[in-house]
C-alpha cells in the first residue's frame, strides 16, 4: 500500500535550493521511498528528539536532511523540511 506524502510550505522553498545545489535526484529517491514505505531501510533513518520529537530524519547529503513525520492512522507522511534543519 502506498503512503500519501504531504509537503509543507517550507519544503516547496527548500525544493528550489535542492535543485540548484544538484541534490534533486537524491531527494526524489527519498520521496519515492517514503511513498512506498516510510520505515524501510537503507538508507537509515533517525528518530529526532527535542523540538522535533516525533519526527524522523534521513540524509540527502552530509549537510542536508529530509525531516518528516509519519501519521500511521491516515497512512500519511508529512514532510517538514528538505534543507538543513540546523538553520
N, C-alpha and C. Protein backbone atom coordinates (compact mmCIF):
# COMPACT_ATOMS: atom_id res chain seq x y z
N UNK A 1 0.85 -1.19 0.00
CA UNK A 1 0.00 0.00 0.00
C UNK A 1 0.88 1.24 0.00
N UNK A 2 0.51 2.23 -0.77
CA UNK A 2 1.31 3.45 -0.84
C UNK A 2 0.86 4.45 0.22
N UNK A 3 1.78 5.29 0.60
CA UNK A 3 1.54 6.33 1.59
C UNK A 3 1.39 7.65 0.86
N UNK A 4 0.55 8.51 1.40
CA UNK A 4 0.39 9.85 0.84
C UNK A 4 1.46 10.75 1.43
N UNK A 5 2.13 11.52 0.59
CA UNK A 5 3.16 12.45 1.05
C UNK A 5 2.62 13.86 0.93
N UNK A 6 2.66 14.59 2.05
CA UNK A 6 2.21 15.98 2.08
C UNK A 6 3.44 16.86 2.34
N UNK A 7 3.60 17.87 1.52
CA UNK A 7 4.73 18.78 1.64
C UNK A 7 4.31 20.06 2.35
N UNK A 8 5.13 20.51 3.30
CA UNK A 8 4.86 21.78 3.96
C UNK A 8 5.21 22.93 3.02
N UNK A 9 4.79 24.12 3.37
CA UNK A 9 5.09 25.30 2.57
C UNK A 9 6.60 25.52 2.47
N UNK A 10 7.29 25.25 3.56
CA UNK A 10 8.75 25.42 3.58
C UNK A 10 9.44 24.47 2.61
N UNK A 11 8.90 23.29 2.44
CA UNK A 11 9.51 22.30 1.55
C UNK A 11 9.50 22.79 0.10
N UNK A 12 8.45 23.49 -0.29
CA UNK A 12 8.42 24.00 -1.66
C UNK A 12 9.53 25.01 -1.88
N UNK A 13 9.87 25.79 -0.85
CA UNK A 13 11.01 26.72 -0.94
C UNK A 13 12.32 25.94 -0.94
N UNK A 14 12.39 24.92 -0.08
CA UNK A 14 13.60 24.10 0.01
C UNK A 14 13.88 23.36 -1.29
N UNK A 15 12.83 22.97 -2.00
CA UNK A 15 12.99 22.21 -3.24
C UNK A 15 13.78 23.02 -4.28
N UNK A 16 13.58 24.32 -4.30
CA UNK A 16 14.34 25.17 -5.22
C UNK A 16 15.82 25.14 -4.89
N UNK A 17 16.13 25.21 -3.59
CA UNK A 17 17.53 25.16 -3.15
C UNK A 17 18.15 23.80 -3.47
N UNK A 18 17.37 22.74 -3.27
CA UNK A 18 17.84 21.38 -3.55
C UNK A 18 18.18 21.25 -5.04
N UNK A 19 17.30 21.75 -5.89
CA UNK A 19 17.52 21.65 -7.33
C UNK A 19 18.76 22.44 -7.75
N UNK A 20 18.95 23.63 -7.18
CA UNK A 20 20.10 24.46 -7.51
C UNK A 20 21.41 23.85 -7.04
N UNK A 21 21.36 23.10 -5.96
CA UNK A 21 22.58 22.50 -5.41
C UNK A 21 22.92 21.16 -6.05
N UNK A 22 22.07 20.66 -6.94
CA UNK A 22 22.34 19.39 -7.62
C UNK A 22 21.96 18.17 -6.81
N UNK A 23 21.15 18.34 -5.77
CA UNK A 23 20.76 17.21 -4.91
C UNK A 23 19.35 16.69 -5.22
N UNK A 24 18.76 17.16 -6.31
CA UNK A 24 17.39 16.75 -6.64
C UNK A 24 17.24 15.24 -6.81
N UNK A 25 18.16 14.53 -7.49
CA UNK A 25 17.99 13.07 -7.62
C UNK A 25 17.95 12.34 -6.27
N UNK A 26 18.81 12.76 -5.33
CA UNK A 26 18.82 12.12 -4.02
C UNK A 26 17.52 12.39 -3.26
N UNK A 27 17.05 13.63 -3.32
CA UNK A 27 15.80 13.99 -2.63
C UNK A 27 14.62 13.25 -3.25
N UNK A 28 14.59 13.17 -4.56
CA UNK A 28 13.49 12.48 -5.26
C UNK A 28 13.48 10.99 -4.90
N UNK A 29 14.65 10.40 -4.78
CA UNK A 29 14.76 8.99 -4.41
C UNK A 29 14.17 8.76 -3.01
N UNK A 30 14.47 9.67 -2.07
CA UNK A 30 13.94 9.55 -0.72
C UNK A 30 12.42 9.75 -0.69
N UNK A 31 11.91 10.69 -1.47
CA UNK A 31 10.47 10.90 -1.52
C UNK A 31 9.75 9.67 -2.08
N UNK A 32 10.33 9.06 -3.08
CA UNK A 32 9.75 7.83 -3.65
C UNK A 32 9.75 6.72 -2.61
N UNK A 33 10.84 6.59 -1.88
CA UNK A 33 10.95 5.59 -0.83
C UNK A 33 9.87 5.79 0.23
N UNK A 34 9.63 7.05 0.62
CA UNK A 34 8.64 7.35 1.64
C UNK A 34 7.22 7.03 1.19
N UNK A 35 6.94 7.15 -0.10
CA UNK A 35 5.60 6.81 -0.58
C UNK A 35 5.37 5.30 -0.55
N UNK A 36 6.44 4.54 -0.70
CA UNK A 36 6.32 3.08 -0.67
C UNK A 36 6.26 2.55 0.76
N UNK A 37 7.21 2.95 1.60
CA UNK A 37 7.24 2.52 2.99
C UNK A 37 8.18 3.43 3.78
N UNK A 38 7.65 4.30 4.63
CA UNK A 38 8.50 5.26 5.35
C UNK A 38 9.42 4.61 6.39
N UNK A 39 9.21 3.34 6.69
CA UNK A 39 10.05 2.67 7.68
C UNK A 39 11.15 1.82 7.04
N UNK A 40 11.20 1.74 5.71
CA UNK A 40 12.18 0.86 5.07
C UNK A 40 13.60 1.42 5.16
N UNK A 41 14.55 0.52 5.19
CA UNK A 41 15.97 0.89 5.20
C UNK A 41 16.67 0.00 4.18
N UNK A 42 17.81 0.31 3.63
CA UNK A 42 18.51 1.58 3.71
C UNK A 42 17.84 2.63 2.85
N UNK A 43 18.17 3.87 2.94
CA UNK A 43 19.09 4.47 3.90
C UNK A 43 18.47 4.54 5.29
N UNK A 44 19.31 4.54 6.30
CA UNK A 44 18.79 4.55 7.67
C UNK A 44 18.10 5.86 8.01
N UNK A 45 17.20 5.79 8.96
CA UNK A 45 16.54 7.00 9.45
C UNK A 45 16.81 7.14 10.94
N UNK A 46 16.64 8.36 11.44
CA UNK A 46 16.84 8.63 12.87
C UNK A 46 15.56 9.22 13.43
N UNK A 47 15.21 8.83 14.66
CA UNK A 47 14.13 9.49 15.38
C UNK A 47 14.73 10.73 16.02
N UNK A 48 14.06 11.85 15.85
CA UNK A 48 14.59 13.11 16.39
C UNK A 48 14.06 13.36 17.79
N UNK A 49 14.79 14.16 18.54
CA UNK A 49 14.42 14.50 19.92
C UNK A 49 14.35 16.01 20.06
N UNK A 50 13.94 16.47 21.23
CA UNK A 50 13.87 17.90 21.48
C UNK A 50 12.67 18.53 20.80
N UNK A 51 12.90 19.67 20.16
CA UNK A 51 11.81 20.39 19.49
C UNK A 51 11.19 19.58 18.36
N UNK A 52 11.95 18.67 17.78
CA UNK A 52 11.46 17.87 16.66
C UNK A 52 11.09 16.45 17.07
N UNK A 53 10.77 16.26 18.34
CA UNK A 53 10.38 14.94 18.81
C UNK A 53 9.13 14.47 18.05
N UNK A 54 9.14 13.23 17.63
CA UNK A 54 8.04 12.68 16.85
C UNK A 54 8.32 12.73 15.35
N UNK A 55 9.41 13.39 14.96
CA UNK A 55 9.80 13.48 13.56
C UNK A 55 10.96 12.53 13.30
N UNK A 56 11.16 12.22 12.03
CA UNK A 56 12.24 11.36 11.59
C UNK A 56 13.12 12.15 10.63
N UNK A 57 14.35 11.67 10.44
CA UNK A 57 15.30 12.35 9.58
C UNK A 57 16.04 11.33 8.72
N UNK A 58 16.23 11.67 7.45
CA UNK A 58 17.08 10.89 6.54
C UNK A 58 18.01 11.85 5.84
N UNK A 59 19.22 11.40 5.59
CA UNK A 59 20.21 12.26 4.94
C UNK A 59 19.98 12.35 3.43
N UNK A 60 20.00 13.59 2.93
CA UNK A 60 20.06 13.83 1.49
C UNK A 60 21.52 13.92 1.10
N UNK A 61 22.29 14.62 1.93
CA UNK A 61 23.74 14.74 1.78
C UNK A 61 24.33 14.83 3.18
N UNK A 62 25.61 15.12 3.27
CA UNK A 62 26.24 15.24 4.59
C UNK A 62 25.57 16.35 5.41
N UNK A 63 25.27 17.47 4.78
CA UNK A 63 24.71 18.61 5.49
C UNK A 63 23.18 18.63 5.51
N UNK A 64 22.55 18.19 4.46
CA UNK A 64 21.11 18.37 4.31
C UNK A 64 20.33 17.10 4.60
N UNK A 65 19.18 17.31 5.23
CA UNK A 65 18.34 16.19 5.64
C UNK A 65 16.89 16.40 5.24
N UNK A 66 16.20 15.31 5.12
CA UNK A 66 14.76 15.31 4.88
C UNK A 66 14.12 15.03 6.24
N UNK A 67 13.33 15.96 6.75
CA UNK A 67 12.69 15.83 8.06
C UNK A 67 11.20 15.57 7.83
N UNK A 68 10.67 14.52 8.44
CA UNK A 68 9.28 14.15 8.20
C UNK A 68 8.64 13.53 9.43
N UNK A 69 7.31 13.52 9.41
CA UNK A 69 6.51 12.91 10.48
C UNK A 69 5.58 11.90 9.84
N UNK A 70 5.39 10.78 10.51
CA UNK A 70 4.52 9.72 9.99
C UNK A 70 3.22 9.71 10.79
N UNK A 71 2.10 9.77 10.08
CA UNK A 71 0.79 9.67 10.71
C UNK A 71 0.22 8.31 10.31
N UNK A 72 0.42 7.34 11.19
CA UNK A 72 0.07 5.93 10.92
C UNK A 72 -1.39 5.74 10.54
N UNK A 73 -2.30 6.31 11.33
CA UNK A 73 -3.72 6.06 11.16
C UNK A 73 -4.23 6.48 9.78
N UNK A 74 -3.61 7.51 9.21
CA UNK A 74 -4.07 8.03 7.93
C UNK A 74 -3.16 7.62 6.77
N UNK A 75 -2.08 6.87 7.06
CA UNK A 75 -1.10 6.48 6.04
C UNK A 75 -0.55 7.72 5.32
N UNK A 76 -0.14 8.71 6.13
CA UNK A 76 0.36 9.98 5.61
C UNK A 76 1.77 10.22 6.12
N UNK A 77 2.62 10.74 5.23
CA UNK A 77 3.95 11.19 5.60
C UNK A 77 3.98 12.70 5.34
N UNK A 78 4.18 13.47 6.41
CA UNK A 78 4.20 14.92 6.30
C UNK A 78 5.65 15.38 6.30
N UNK A 79 6.10 15.96 5.18
CA UNK A 79 7.49 16.41 5.05
C UNK A 79 7.58 17.83 5.60
N UNK A 80 8.46 18.03 6.58
CA UNK A 80 8.62 19.33 7.22
C UNK A 80 9.70 20.17 6.53
N UNK A 81 10.87 19.57 6.27
CA UNK A 81 11.99 20.29 5.65
C UNK A 81 12.74 19.36 4.70
N UNK A 82 13.40 19.97 3.71
CA UNK A 82 14.26 19.22 2.81
C UNK A 82 15.64 19.87 2.70
N UNK A 83 15.90 20.82 3.50
CA UNK A 83 17.18 21.51 3.50
C UNK A 83 17.80 21.17 4.84
N UNK A 84 18.71 21.95 5.32
CA UNK A 84 19.30 21.66 6.62
C UNK A 84 18.32 21.98 7.74
N UNK A 85 18.32 21.19 8.79
CA UNK A 85 17.45 21.50 9.91
C UNK A 85 18.21 22.22 11.02
N UNK A 86 19.42 22.64 10.72
CA UNK A 86 20.24 23.35 11.70
C UNK A 86 20.07 24.86 11.57
N UNK A 87 19.32 25.34 10.59
CA UNK A 87 19.13 26.78 10.39
C UNK A 87 18.02 27.27 11.28
